[in-house]
Full PDB file with SEQRES, HELIX, SHEET, SSBOND, CRYST1, ORIGX, SCALE, CONECT and MASTER records, all heavy atoms in Angstrom:
SEQRES   1 A   45  LEU MET ASP VAL ARG MET PRO GLY MET ASP GLY ILE GLU          
SEQRES   2 A   45  ALA THR ARG ALA ILE VAL ALA GLY ASP PRO ALA SER ARG          
SEQRES   3 A   45  VAL ILE ILE LEU THR THR PHE ASP LEU ASP GLU TYR ALA          
SEQRES   4 A   45  PHE ALA GLY LEU ASN ALA                                      
HELIX    1 AA1 GLY A   11  GLY A   21  1                                  11    
HELIX    2 AA2 ALA A   39  ASN A   44  1                                   6    
SHEET    1 AA1 2 MET A   2  ASP A   3  0                                        
SHEET    2 AA1 2 ILE A  29  LEU A  30  1                                        
CRYST1    1.000    1.000    1.000  90.00  90.00  90.00 P 1           1          
ORIGX1      1.000000  0.000000  0.000000        0.00000                         
ORIGX2      0.000000  1.000000  0.000000        0.00000                         
ORIGX3      0.000000  0.000000  1.000000        0.00000                         
SCALE1      1.000000  0.000000  0.000000        0.00000                         
SCALE2      0.000000  1.000000  0.000000        0.00000                         
SCALE3      0.000000  0.000000  1.000000        0.00000                         
ATOM      1  N   LEU A   1       0.864  -1.177   0.000  1.00  0.00           N  
ATOM      2  CA  LEU A   1       0.000   0.000   0.000  1.00  0.00           C  
ATOM      3  C   LEU A   1       0.899   1.225   0.000  1.00  0.00           C  
ATOM      4  O   LEU A   1       1.699   1.403   0.916  1.00  0.00           O  
ATOM      5  CB  LEU A   1      -0.912  -0.003   1.231  1.00  0.00           C  
ATOM      6  CG  LEU A   1      -1.815  -1.224   1.397  1.00  0.00           C  
ATOM      7  CD1 LEU A   1      -2.695  -1.069   2.632  1.00  0.00           C  
ATOM      8  CD2 LEU A   1      -2.680  -1.433   0.157  1.00  0.00           C  
ATOM      9  N   MET A   2       0.775   2.065  -1.024  1.00  0.00           N  
ATOM     10  CA  MET A   2       1.729   3.152  -1.240  1.00  0.00           C  
ATOM     11  C   MET A   2       1.047   4.517  -1.236  1.00  0.00           C  
ATOM     12  O   MET A   2       0.120   4.757  -2.008  1.00  0.00           O  
ATOM     13  CB  MET A   2       2.422   2.945  -2.597  1.00  0.00           C  
ATOM     14  CG  MET A   2       3.449   3.991  -2.941  1.00  0.00           C  
ATOM     15  SD  MET A   2       4.964   3.825  -1.967  1.00  0.00           S  
ATOM     16  CE  MET A   2       5.673   2.332  -2.700  1.00  0.00           C  
ATOM     17  N   ASP A   3       1.523   5.388  -0.352  1.00  0.00           N  
ATOM     18  CA  ASP A   3       1.075   6.776  -0.372  1.00  0.00           C  
ATOM     19  C   ASP A   3       1.752   7.476  -1.545  1.00  0.00           C  
ATOM     20  O   ASP A   3       2.763   6.992  -2.072  1.00  0.00           O  
ATOM     21  CB  ASP A   3       1.442   7.455   0.943  1.00  0.00           C  
ATOM     22  CG  ASP A   3       0.626   8.721   1.190  1.00  0.00           C  
ATOM     23  OD1 ASP A   3      -0.133   9.135   0.290  1.00  0.00           O  
ATOM     24  OD2 ASP A   3       0.752   9.294   2.283  1.00  0.00           O  
ATOM     25  N   VAL A   4       1.237   8.622  -1.963  1.00  0.00           N  
ATOM     26  CA  VAL A   4       1.844   9.358  -3.067  1.00  0.00           C  
ATOM     27  C   VAL A   4       2.800  10.419  -2.551  1.00  0.00           C  
ATOM     28  O   VAL A   4       3.968  10.463  -2.912  1.00  0.00           O  
ATOM     29  CB  VAL A   4       0.767  10.002  -3.963  1.00  0.00           C  
ATOM     30  CG1 VAL A   4       1.423  10.875  -5.030  1.00  0.00           C  
ATOM     31  CG2 VAL A   4      -0.091   8.933  -4.626  1.00  0.00           C  
ATOM     32  N   ARG A   5       2.316  11.261  -1.680  1.00  0.00           N  
ATOM     33  CA  ARG A   5       3.117  12.377  -1.200  1.00  0.00           C  
ATOM     34  C   ARG A   5       3.857  11.994   0.074  1.00  0.00           C  
ATOM     35  O   ARG A   5       3.250  11.807   1.132  1.00  0.00           O  
ATOM     36  CB  ARG A   5       2.234  13.591  -0.956  1.00  0.00           C  
ATOM     37  CG  ARG A   5       1.639  14.126  -2.249  1.00  0.00           C  
ATOM     38  CD  ARG A   5       0.837  15.372  -2.022  1.00  0.00           C  
ATOM     39  NE  ARG A   5       0.417  15.948  -3.283  1.00  0.00           N  
ATOM     40  CZ  ARG A   5      -0.286  17.066  -3.383  1.00  0.00           C  
ATOM     41  NH1 ARG A   5      -0.650  17.719  -2.301  1.00  0.00           N  
ATOM     42  NH2 ARG A   5      -0.630  17.536  -4.564  1.00  0.00           N  
ATOM     43  N   MET A   6       5.163  11.882  -0.051  1.00  0.00           N  
ATOM     44  CA  MET A   6       6.023  11.533   1.081  1.00  0.00           C  
ATOM     45  C   MET A   6       7.311  12.332   0.958  1.00  0.00           C  
ATOM     46  O   MET A   6       7.692  12.749  -0.136  1.00  0.00           O  
ATOM     47  CB  MET A   6       6.337  10.029   1.081  1.00  0.00           C  
ATOM     48  CG  MET A   6       5.136   9.132   1.299  1.00  0.00           C  
ATOM     49  SD  MET A   6       5.587   7.381   1.344  1.00  0.00           S  
ATOM     50  CE  MET A   6       6.008   7.094  -0.380  1.00  0.00           C  
ATOM     51  N   PRO A   7       8.010  12.542   2.080  1.00  0.00           N  
ATOM     52  CA  PRO A   7       9.291  13.260   2.012  1.00  0.00           C  
ATOM     53  C   PRO A   7      10.339  12.440   1.261  1.00  0.00           C  
ATOM     54  O   PRO A   7      10.278  11.219   1.222  1.00  0.00           O  
ATOM     55  CB  PRO A   7       9.671  13.432   3.487  1.00  0.00           C  
ATOM     56  CG  PRO A   7       8.963  12.316   4.192  1.00  0.00           C  
ATOM     57  CD  PRO A   7       7.664  12.150   3.456  1.00  0.00           C  
ATOM     58  N   GLY A   8      11.307  13.140   0.656  1.00  0.00           N  
ATOM     59  CA  GLY A   8      12.346  12.432  -0.080  1.00  0.00           C  
ATOM     60  C   GLY A   8      11.771  11.832  -1.349  1.00  0.00           C  
ATOM     61  O   GLY A   8      11.193  12.517  -2.177  1.00  0.00           O  
ATOM     62  N   MET A   9      11.925  10.541  -1.522  1.00  0.00           N  
ATOM     63  CA  MET A   9      11.364   9.836  -2.678  1.00  0.00           C  
ATOM     64  C   MET A   9       9.862   9.674  -2.507  1.00  0.00           C  
ATOM     65  O   MET A   9       9.404   9.111  -1.514  1.00  0.00           O  
ATOM     66  CB  MET A   9      12.028   8.456  -2.829  1.00  0.00           C  
ATOM     67  CG  MET A   9      11.483   7.656  -4.009  1.00  0.00           C  
ATOM     68  SD  MET A   9      12.168   5.982  -4.115  1.00  0.00           S  
ATOM     69  CE  MET A   9      13.830   6.338  -4.686  1.00  0.00           C  
ATOM     70  N   ASP A  10       9.083  10.183  -3.482  1.00  0.00           N  
ATOM     71  CA  ASP A  10       7.632  10.066  -3.355  1.00  0.00           C  
ATOM     72  C   ASP A  10       7.147   8.685  -3.783  1.00  0.00           C  
ATOM     73  O   ASP A  10       7.932   7.832  -4.210  1.00  0.00           O  
ATOM     74  CB  ASP A  10       6.924  11.174  -4.145  1.00  0.00           C  
ATOM     75  CG  ASP A  10       7.168  11.092  -5.649  1.00  0.00           C  
ATOM     76  OD1 ASP A  10       7.476   9.989  -6.152  1.00  0.00           O  
ATOM     77  OD2 ASP A  10       7.037  12.122  -6.328  1.00  0.00           O  
ATOM     78  N   GLY A  11       5.846   8.477  -3.662  1.00  0.00           N  
ATOM     79  CA  GLY A  11       5.290   7.165  -3.947  1.00  0.00           C  
ATOM     80  C   GLY A  11       5.375   6.742  -5.390  1.00  0.00           C  
ATOM     81  O   GLY A  11       5.422   5.545  -5.695  1.00  0.00           O  
ATOM     82  N   ILE A  12       5.387   7.710  -6.298  1.00  0.00           N  
ATOM     83  CA  ILE A  12       5.480   7.377  -7.717  1.00  0.00           C  
ATOM     84  C   ILE A  12       6.841   6.780  -8.034  1.00  0.00           C  
ATOM     85  O   ILE A  12       6.952   5.718  -8.661  1.00  0.00           O  
ATOM     86  CB  ILE A  12       5.230   8.624  -8.583  1.00  0.00           C  
ATOM     87  CG1 ILE A  12       3.807   9.128  -8.359  1.00  0.00           C  
ATOM     88  CG2 ILE A  12       5.457   8.310 -10.061  1.00  0.00           C  
ATOM     89  CD1 ILE A  12       3.539  10.483  -8.965  1.00  0.00           C  
ATOM     90  N   GLU A  13       7.894   7.483  -7.604  1.00  0.00           N  
ATOM     91  CA  GLU A  13       9.248   6.987  -7.856  1.00  0.00           C  
ATOM     92  C   GLU A  13       9.484   5.674  -7.128  1.00  0.00           C  
ATOM     93  O   GLU A  13      10.152   4.774  -7.639  1.00  0.00           O  
ATOM     94  CB  GLU A  13      10.282   8.036  -7.451  1.00  0.00           C  
ATOM     95  CG  GLU A  13      10.318   9.252  -8.355  1.00  0.00           C  
ATOM     96  CD  GLU A  13      10.510   8.870  -9.810  1.00  0.00           C  
ATOM     97  OE1 GLU A  13      11.400   8.045 -10.097  1.00  0.00           O  
ATOM     98  OE2 GLU A  13       9.776   9.388 -10.665  1.00  0.00           O  
ATOM     99  N   ALA A  14       8.948   5.564  -5.915  1.00  0.00           N  
ATOM    100  CA  ALA A  14       9.108   4.323  -5.157  1.00  0.00           C  
ATOM    101  C   ALA A  14       8.420   3.168  -5.869  1.00  0.00           C  
ATOM    102  O   ALA A  14       8.972   2.063  -5.975  1.00  0.00           O  
ATOM    103  CB  ALA A  14       8.539   4.494  -3.753  1.00  0.00           C  
ATOM    104  N   THR A  15       7.217   3.409  -6.384  1.00  0.00           N  
ATOM    105  CA  THR A  15       6.495   2.363  -7.126  1.00  0.00           C  
ATOM    106  C   THR A  15       7.281   1.942  -8.354  1.00  0.00           C  
ATOM    107  O   THR A  15       7.438   0.747  -8.633  1.00  0.00           O  
ATOM    108  CB  THR A  15       5.101   2.882  -7.547  1.00  0.00           C  
ATOM    109  OG1 THR A  15       4.329   3.151  -6.382  1.00  0.00           O  
ATOM    110  CG2 THR A  15       4.386   1.857  -8.414  1.00  0.00           C  
ATOM    111  N   ARG A  16       7.794   2.918  -9.085  1.00  0.00           N  
ATOM    112  CA  ARG A  16       8.573   2.621 -10.292  1.00  0.00           C  
ATOM    113  C   ARG A  16       9.801   1.780  -9.948  1.00  0.00           C  
ATOM    114  O   ARG A  16      10.125   0.807 -10.640  1.00  0.00           O  
ATOM    115  CB  ARG A  16       8.982   3.918 -10.982  1.00  0.00           C  
ATOM    116  CG  ARG A  16       9.706   3.701 -12.317  1.00  0.00           C  
ATOM    117  CD  ARG A  16       9.951   5.011 -13.037  1.00  0.00           C  
ATOM    118  NE  ARG A  16       8.702   5.590 -13.535  1.00  0.00           N  
ATOM    119  CZ  ARG A  16       8.150   6.706 -13.081  1.00  0.00           C  
ATOM    120  NH1 ARG A  16       8.738   7.377 -12.098  1.00  0.00           N  
ATOM    121  NH2 ARG A  16       7.023   7.159 -13.590  1.00  0.00           N  
ATOM    122  N   ALA A  17      10.483   2.146  -8.866  1.00  0.00           N  
ATOM    123  CA  ALA A  17      11.691   1.427  -8.459  1.00  0.00           C  
ATOM    124  C   ALA A  17      11.360   0.009  -7.997  1.00  0.00           C  
ATOM    125  O   ALA A  17      12.070  -0.948  -8.323  1.00  0.00           O  
ATOM    126  CB  ALA A  17      12.403   2.186  -7.349  1.00  0.00           C  
ATOM    127  N   ILE A  18      10.271  -0.138  -7.263  1.00  0.00           N  
ATOM    128  CA  ILE A  18       9.876  -1.454  -6.750  1.00  0.00           C  
ATOM    129  C   ILE A  18       9.503  -2.384  -7.897  1.00  0.00           C  
ATOM    130  O   ILE A  18       9.939  -3.540  -7.957  1.00  0.00           O  
ATOM    131  CB  ILE A  18       8.708  -1.312  -5.753  1.00  0.00           C  
ATOM    132  CG1 ILE A  18       9.202  -0.678  -4.445  1.00  0.00           C  
ATOM    133  CG2 ILE A  18       8.073  -2.676  -5.466  1.00  0.00           C  
ATOM    134  CD1 ILE A  18       8.084  -0.299  -3.496  1.00  0.00           C  
ATOM    135  N   VAL A  19       8.695  -1.885  -8.834  1.00  0.00           N  
ATOM    136  CA  VAL A  19       8.259  -2.715  -9.958  1.00  0.00           C  
ATOM    137  C   VAL A  19       9.424  -3.034 -10.890  1.00  0.00           C  
ATOM    138  O   VAL A  19       9.515  -4.136 -11.444  1.00  0.00           O  
ATOM    139  CB  VAL A  19       7.118  -2.020 -10.725  1.00  0.00           C  
ATOM    140  CG1 VAL A  19       6.759  -2.792 -11.985  1.00  0.00           C  
ATOM    141  CG2 VAL A  19       5.891  -1.870  -9.828  1.00  0.00           C  
ATOM    142  N   ALA A  20      10.343  -2.071 -11.050  1.00  0.00           N  
ATOM    143  CA  ALA A  20      11.520  -2.327 -11.887  1.00  0.00           C  
ATOM    144  C   ALA A  20      12.390  -3.418 -11.268  1.00  0.00           C  
ATOM    145  O   ALA A  20      12.952  -4.259 -11.967  1.00  0.00           O  
ATOM    146  CB  ALA A  20      12.336  -1.050 -12.062  1.00  0.00           C  
ATOM    147  N   GLY A  21      12.488  -3.409  -9.946  1.00  0.00           N  
ATOM    148  CA  GLY A  21      13.295  -4.417  -9.259  1.00  0.00           C  
ATOM    149  C   GLY A  21      12.641  -5.779  -9.231  1.00  0.00           C  
ATOM    150  O   GLY A  21      13.322  -6.804  -9.235  1.00  0.00           O  
ATOM    151  N   ASP A  22      11.313  -5.793  -9.198  1.00  0.00           N  
ATOM    152  CA  ASP A  22      10.574  -7.058  -9.165  1.00  0.00           C  
ATOM    153  C   ASP A  22       9.242  -6.850  -9.882  1.00  0.00           C  
ATOM    154  O   ASP A  22       8.276  -6.367  -9.282  1.00  0.00           O  
ATOM    155  CB  ASP A  22      10.329  -7.496  -7.717  1.00  0.00           C  
ATOM    156  CG  ASP A  22       9.558  -8.813  -7.643  1.00  0.00           C  
ATOM    157  OD1 ASP A  22       9.345  -9.447  -8.698  1.00  0.00           O  
ATOM    158  OD2 ASP A  22       9.166  -9.207  -6.519  1.00  0.00           O  
ATOM    159  N   PRO A  23       9.168  -7.183 -11.163  1.00  0.00           N  
ATOM    160  CA  PRO A  23       7.941  -6.959 -11.942  1.00  0.00           C  
ATOM    161  C   PRO A  23       6.706  -7.646 -11.374  1.00  0.00           C  
ATOM    162  O   PRO A  23       5.585  -7.275 -11.716  1.00  0.00           O  
ATOM    163  CB  PRO A  23       8.298  -7.537 -13.318  1.00  0.00           C  
ATOM    164  CG  PRO A  23       9.785  -7.426 -13.390  1.00  0.00           C  
ATOM    165  CD  PRO A  23      10.265  -7.712 -11.998  1.00  0.00           C  
ATOM    166  N   ALA A  24       6.913  -8.633 -10.515  1.00  0.00           N  
ATOM    167  CA  ALA A  24       5.771  -9.318  -9.922  1.00  0.00           C  
ATOM    168  C   ALA A  24       5.183  -8.547  -8.742  1.00  0.00           C  
ATOM    169  O   ALA A  24       4.140  -8.926  -8.209  1.00  0.00           O  
ATOM    170  CB  ALA A  24       6.177 -10.717  -9.467  1.00  0.00           C  
ATOM    171  N   SER A  25       5.831  -7.481  -8.326  1.00  0.00           N  
ATOM    172  CA  SER A  25       5.348  -6.689  -7.190  1.00  0.00           C  
ATOM    173  C   SER A  25       3.987  -6.089  -7.494  1.00  0.00           C  
ATOM    174  O   SER A  25       3.713  -5.660  -8.612  1.00  0.00           O  
ATOM    175  CB  SER A  25       6.331  -5.562  -6.867  1.00  0.00           C  
ATOM    176  OG  SER A  25       7.567  -6.071  -6.449  1.00  0.00           O  
ATOM    177  N   ARG A  26       3.132  -6.051  -6.480  1.00  0.00           N  
ATOM    178  CA  ARG A  26       1.789  -5.512  -6.622  1.00  0.00           C  
ATOM    179  C   ARG A  26       1.642  -4.317  -5.685  1.00  0.00           C  
ATOM    180  O   ARG A  26       1.743  -4.454  -4.471  1.00  0.00           O  
ATOM    181  CB  ARG A  26       0.743  -6.567  -6.287  1.00  0.00           C  
ATOM    182  CG  ARG A  26       0.792  -7.777  -7.215  1.00  0.00           C  
ATOM    183  CD  ARG A  26       0.346  -7.408  -8.612  1.00  0.00           C  
ATOM    184  NE  ARG A  26       0.534  -8.504  -9.560  1.00  0.00           N  
ATOM    185  CZ  ARG A  26       0.207  -8.423 -10.844  1.00  0.00           C  
ATOM    186  NH1 ARG A  26      -0.312  -7.317 -11.316  1.00  0.00           N  
ATOM    187  NH2 ARG A  26       0.413  -9.438 -11.631  1.00  0.00           N  
ATOM    188  N   VAL A  27       1.417  -3.155  -6.259  1.00  0.00           N  
ATOM    189  CA  VAL A  27       1.326  -1.915  -5.486  1.00  0.00           C  
ATOM    190  C   VAL A  27      -0.054  -1.305  -5.647  1.00  0.00           C  
ATOM    191  O   VAL A  27      -0.576  -1.196  -6.756  1.00  0.00           O  
ATOM    192  CB  VAL A  27       2.383  -0.897  -5.954  1.00  0.00           C  
ATOM    193  CG1 VAL A  27       2.284   0.395  -5.134  1.00  0.00           C  
ATOM    194  CG2 VAL A  27       3.784  -1.481  -5.851  1.00  0.00           C  
ATOM    195  N   ILE A  28      -0.647  -0.917  -4.532  1.00  0.00           N  
ATOM    196  CA  ILE A  28      -1.904  -0.173  -4.535  1.00  0.00           C  
ATOM    197  C   ILE A  28      -1.606   1.248  -4.094  1.00  0.00           C  
ATOM    198  O   ILE A  28      -1.056   1.465  -3.017  1.00  0.00           O  
ATOM    199  CB  ILE A  28      -2.946  -0.798  -3.593  1.00  0.00           C  
ATOM    200  CG1 ILE A  28      -3.315  -2.218  -4.044  1.00  0.00           C  
ATOM    201  CG2 ILE A  28      -4.202   0.074  -3.534  1.00  0.00           C  
ATOM    202  CD1 ILE A  28      -4.281  -2.922  -3.110  1.00  0.00           C  
ATOM    203  N   ILE A  29      -1.954   2.207  -4.938  1.00  0.00           N  
ATOM    204  CA  ILE A  29      -1.762   3.619  -4.607  1.00  0.00           C  
ATOM    205  C   ILE A  29      -2.918   4.074  -3.713  1.00  0.00           C  
ATOM    206  O   ILE A  29      -4.087   3.853  -4.027  1.00  0.00           O  
ATOM    207  CB  ILE A  29      -1.756   4.490  -5.884  1.00  0.00           C  
ATOM    208  CG1 ILE A  29      -0.567   4.118  -6.779  1.00  0.00           C  
ATOM    209  CG2 ILE A  29      -1.742   5.969  -5.519  1.00  0.00           C  
ATOM    210  CD1 ILE A  29       0.770   4.576  -6.277  1.00  0.00           C  
ATOM    211  N   LEU A  30      -2.585   4.699  -2.602  1.00  0.00           N  
ATOM    212  CA  LEU A  30      -3.587   5.263  -1.701  1.00  0.00           C  
ATOM    213  C   LEU A  30      -3.425   6.778  -1.701  1.00  0.00           C  
ATOM    214  O   LEU A  30      -2.319   7.280  -1.491  1.00  0.00           O  
ATOM    215  CB  LEU A  30      -3.396   4.737  -0.275  1.00  0.00           C  
ATOM    216  CG  LEU A  30      -3.696   3.255  -0.051  1.00  0.00           C  
ATOM    217  CD1 LEU A  30      -3.246   2.837   1.345  1.00  0.00           C  
ATOM    218  CD2 LEU A  30      -5.185   2.991  -0.208  1.00  0.00           C  
ATOM    219  N   THR A  31      -4.504   7.506  -1.928  1.00  0.00           N  
ATOM    220  CA  THR A  31      -4.363   8.956  -2.015  1.00  0.00           C  
ATOM    221  C   THR A  31      -5.664   9.670  -1.719  1.00  0.00           C  
ATOM    222  O   THR A  31      -6.739   9.084  -1.760  1.00  0.00           O  
ATOM    223  CB  THR A  31      -3.877   9.360  -3.414  1.00  0.00           C  
ATOM    224  OG1 THR A  31      -3.621  10.757  -3.456  1.00  0.00           O  
ATOM    225  CG2 THR A  31      -4.912   9.020  -4.465  1.00  0.00           C  
ATOM    226  N   THR A  32      -5.544  10.941  -1.393  1.00  0.00           N  
ATOM    227  CA  THR A  32      -6.698  11.824  -1.305  1.00  0.00           C  
ATOM    228  C   THR A  32      -6.886  12.395  -2.699  1.00  0.00           C  
ATOM    229  O   THR A  32      -6.140  13.275  -3.118  1.00  0.00           O  
ATOM    230  CB  THR A  32      -6.450  12.956  -0.297  1.00  0.00           C  
ATOM    231  OG1 THR A  32      -6.097  12.383   0.949  1.00  0.00           O  
ATOM    232  CG2 THR A  32      -7.697  13.822  -0.138  1.00  0.00           C  
ATOM    233  N   PHE A  33      -7.856  11.886  -3.439  1.00  0.00           N  
ATOM    234  CA  PHE A  33      -7.916  12.082  -4.889  1.00  0.00           C  
ATOM    235  C   PHE A  33      -7.884  13.541  -5.317  1.00  0.00           C  
ATOM    236  O   PHE A  33      -7.158  13.918  -6.219  1.00  0.00           O  
ATOM    237  CB  PHE A  33      -9.176  11.420  -5.457  1.00  0.00           C  
ATOM    238  CG  PHE A  33      -9.182  11.413  -6.953  1.00  0.00           C  
ATOM    239  CD1 PHE A  33      -8.489  10.444  -7.650  1.00  0.00           C  
ATOM    240  CD2 PHE A  33      -9.849  12.382  -7.667  1.00  0.00           C  
ATOM    241  CE1 PHE A  33      -8.480  10.429  -9.031  1.00  0.00           C  
ATOM    242  CE2 PHE A  33      -9.839  12.378  -9.049  1.00  0.00           C  
ATOM    243  CZ  PHE A  33      -9.157  11.403  -9.724  1.00  0.00           C  
ATOM    244  N   ASP A  34      -8.655  14.390  -4.669  1.00  0.00           N  
ATOM    245  CA  ASP A  34      -8.758  15.767  -5.122  1.00  0.00           C  
ATOM    246  C   ASP A  34      -7.452  16.531  -4.967  1.00  0.00           C  
ATOM    247  O   ASP A  34      -7.258  17.565  -5.589  1.00  0.00           O  
ATOM    248  CB  ASP A  34      -9.869  16.491  -4.361  1.00  0.00           C  
ATOM    249  CG  ASP A  34     -11.244  15.978  -4.752  1.00  0.00           C  
ATOM    250  OD1 ASP A  34     -11.358  15.448  -5.870  1.00  0.00           O  
ATOM    251  OD2 ASP A  34     -12.173  16.106  -3.948  1.00  0.00           O  
ATOM    252  N   LEU A  35      -6.555  16.037  -4.111  1.00  0.00           N  
ATOM    253  CA  LEU A  35      -5.307  16.747  -3.862  1.00  0.00           C  
ATOM    254  C   LEU A  35      -4.139  16.149  -4.631  1.00  0.00           C  
ATOM    255  O   LEU A  35      -3.212  16.847  -5.012  1.00  0.00           O  
ATOM    256  CB  LEU A  35      -4.988  16.730  -2.365  1.00  0.00           C  
ATOM    257  CG  LEU A  35      -6.005  17.439  -1.459  1.00  0.00           C  
ATOM    258  CD1 LEU A  35      -5.591  17.281   0.002  1.00  0.00           C  
ATOM    259  CD2 LEU A  35      -6.122  18.909  -1.819  1.00  0.00           C  
ATOM    260  N   ASP A  36      -4.164  14.866  -4.850  1.00  0.00           N  
ATOM    261  CA  ASP A  36      -3.020  14.181  -5.457  1.00  0.00           C  
ATOM    262  C   ASP A  36      -3.195  14.032  -6.957  1.00  0.00           C  
ATOM    263  O   ASP A  36      -3.842  13.104  -7.428  1.00  0.00           O  
ATOM    264  CB  ASP A  36      -2.803  12.815  -4.809  1.00  0.00           C  
ATOM    265  CG  ASP A  36      -2.321  12.941  -3.381  1.00  0.00           C  
ATOM    266  OD1 ASP A  36      -1.569  13.879  -3.093  1.00  0.00           O  
ATOM    267  OD2 ASP A  36      -2.706  12.097  -2.563  1.00  0.00           O  
ATOM    268  N   GLU A  37      -2.594  14.939  -7.705  1.00  0.00           N  
ATOM    269  CA  GLU A  37      -2.714  14.907  -9.150  1.00  0.00           C  
ATOM    270  C   GLU A  37      -1.702  13.952  -9.776  1.00  0.00           C  
ATOM    271  O   GLU A  37      -1.627  13.843 -10.997  1.00  0.00           O  
ATOM    272  CB  GLU A  37      -2.522  16.318  -9.714  1.00  0.00           C  
ATOM    273  CG  GLU A  37      -3.583  17.290  -9.217  1.00  0.00           C  
ATOM    274  CD  GLU A  37      -3.395  18.682  -9.760  1.00  0.00           C  
ATOM    275  OE1 GLU A  37      -2.392  18.901 -10.484  1.00  0.00           O  
ATOM    276  OE2 GLU A  37      -4.228  19.547  -9.474  1.00  0.00           O  
ATOM    277  N   TYR A  38      -0.940  13.261  -8.945  1.00  0.00           N  
ATOM    278  CA  TYR A  38       0.077  12.357  -9.458  1.00  0.00           C  
ATOM    279  C   TYR A  38      -0.388  10.901  -9.449  1.00  0.00           C  
ATOM    280  O   TYR A  38       0.395  10.001  -9.718  1.00  0.00           O  
ATOM    281  CB  TYR A  38       1.344  12.480  -8.618  1.00  0.00           C  
ATOM    282  CG  TYR A  38       1.868  13.895  -8.554  1.00  0.00           C  
ATOM    283  CD1 TYR A  38       1.723  14.650  -7.403  1.00  0.00           C  
ATOM    284  CD2 TYR A  38       2.495  14.475  -9.652  1.00  0.00           C  
ATOM    285  CE1 TYR A  38       2.190  15.959  -7.340  1.00  0.00           C  
ATOM    286  CE2 TYR A  38       2.964  15.780  -9.600  1.00  0.00           C  
ATOM    287  CZ  TYR A  38       2.803  16.514  -8.438  1.00  0.00           C  
ATOM    288  OH  TYR A  38       3.250  17.801  -8.385  1.00  0.00           O  
ATOM    289  N   ALA A  39      -1.643  10.681  -9.125  1.00  0.00           N  
ATOM    290  CA  ALA A  39      -2.128   9.306  -9.009  1.00  0.00           C  
ATOM    291  C   ALA A  39      -1.994   8.552 -10.324  1.00  0.00           C  
ATOM    292  O   ALA A  39      -1.584   7.392 -10.348  1.00  0.00           O  
ATOM    293  CB  ALA A  39      -3.585   9.308  -8.549  1.00  0.00           C  
ATOM    294  N   PHE A  40      -2.342   9.196 -11.438  1.00  0.00           N  
ATOM    295  CA  PHE A  40      -2.241   8.531 -12.728  1.00  0.00           C  
ATOM    296  C   PHE A  40      -0.792   8.130 -13.006  1.00  0.00           C  
ATOM    297  O   PHE A  40      -0.525   7.045 -13.524  1.00  0.00           O  
ATOM    298  CB  PHE A  40      -2.743   9.460 -13.836  1.00  0.00           C  
ATOM    299  CG  PHE A  40      -2.763   8.810 -15.190  1.00  0.00           C  
ATOM    300  CD1 PHE A  40      -3.859   8.094 -15.615  1.00  0.00           C  
ATOM    301  CD2 PHE A  40      -1.678   8.907 -16.028  1.00  0.00           C  
ATOM    302  CE1 PHE A  40      -3.875   7.497 -16.862  1.00  0.00           C  
ATOM    303  CE2 PHE A  40      -1.679   8.316 -17.281  1.00  0.00           C  
ATOM    304  CZ  PHE A  40      -2.783   7.610 -17.691  1.00  0.00           C  
ATOM    305  N   ALA A  41       0.143   9.031 -12.675  1.00  0.00           N  
ATOM    306  CA  ALA A  41       1.557   8.721 -12.882  1.00  0.00           C  
ATOM    307  C   ALA A  41       1.955   7.497 -12.066  1.00  0.00           C  
ATOM    308  O   ALA A  41       2.767   6.689 -12.509  1.00  0.00           O  
ATOM    309  CB  ALA A  41       2.429   9.913 -12.506  1.00  0.00           C  
ATOM    310  N   GLY A  42       1.366   7.354 -10.885  1.00  0.00           N  
ATOM    311  CA  GLY A  42       1.656   6.183 -10.067  1.00  0.00           C  
ATOM    312  C   GLY A  42       1.186   4.909 -10.738  1.00  0.00           C  
ATOM    313  O   GLY A  42       1.895   3.899 -10.759  1.00  0.00           O  
ATOM    314  N   LEU A  43      -0.002   4.939 -11.317  1.00  0.00           N  
ATOM    315  CA  LEU A  43      -0.512   3.779 -12.035  1.00  0.00           C  
ATOM    316  C   LEU A  43       0.359   3.493 -13.251  1.00  0.00           C  
ATOM    317  O   LEU A  43       0.667   2.347 -13.563  1.00  0.00           O  
ATOM    318  CB  LEU A  43      -1.960   4.026 -12.464  1.00  0.00           C  
ATOM    319  CG  LEU A  43      -2.984   4.189 -11.333  1.00  0.00           C  
ATOM    320  CD1 LEU A  43      -4.340   4.541 -11.904  1.00  0.00           C  
ATOM    321  CD2 LEU A  43      -3.069   2.938 -10.488  1.00  0.00           C  
ATOM    322  N   ASN A  44       0.750   4.559 -13.940  1.00  0.00           N  
ATOM    323  CA  ASN A  44       1.590   4.394 -15.120  1.00  0.00           C  
ATOM    324  C   ASN A  44       2.971   3.868 -14.753  1.00  0.00           C  
ATOM    325  O   ASN A  44       3.657   3.253 -15.568  1.00  0.00           O  
ATOM    326  CB  ASN A  44       1.727   5.739 -15.847  1.00  0.00           C  
ATOM    327  CG  ASN A  44       1.970   5.574 -17.325  1.00  0.00           C  
ATOM    328  OD1 ASN A  44       1.659   4.541 -17.905  1.00  0.00           O  
ATOM    329  ND2 ASN A  44       2.533   6.588 -17.950  1.00  0.00           N  
ATOM    330  N   ALA A  45       3.375   4.105 -13.501  1.00  0.00           N  
ATOM    331  CA  ALA A  45       4.678   3.626 -13.034  1.00  0.00           C  
ATOM    332  C   ALA A  45       4.659   2.140 -12.700  1.00  0.00           C  
ATOM    333  O   ALA A  45       5.702   1.554 -12.439  1.00  0.00           O  
ATOM    334  CB  ALA A  45       5.120   4.426 -11.805  1.00  0.00           C  
TER     335      ALA A  45                                                      
MASTER        0    0    0    2    2    0    0    6  334    1    0    4          
END                                                                             
């Protein structure tokens, strides 16, 4: 379960890194939709 907005590396970059390291990894993005405009990027990652 991955938040989007975090200090340092955000959830998008973390998701991309996790999936790149292990394509079988399954990540669910958790966000406050109206505030997090990066949710789509997380799915795309």
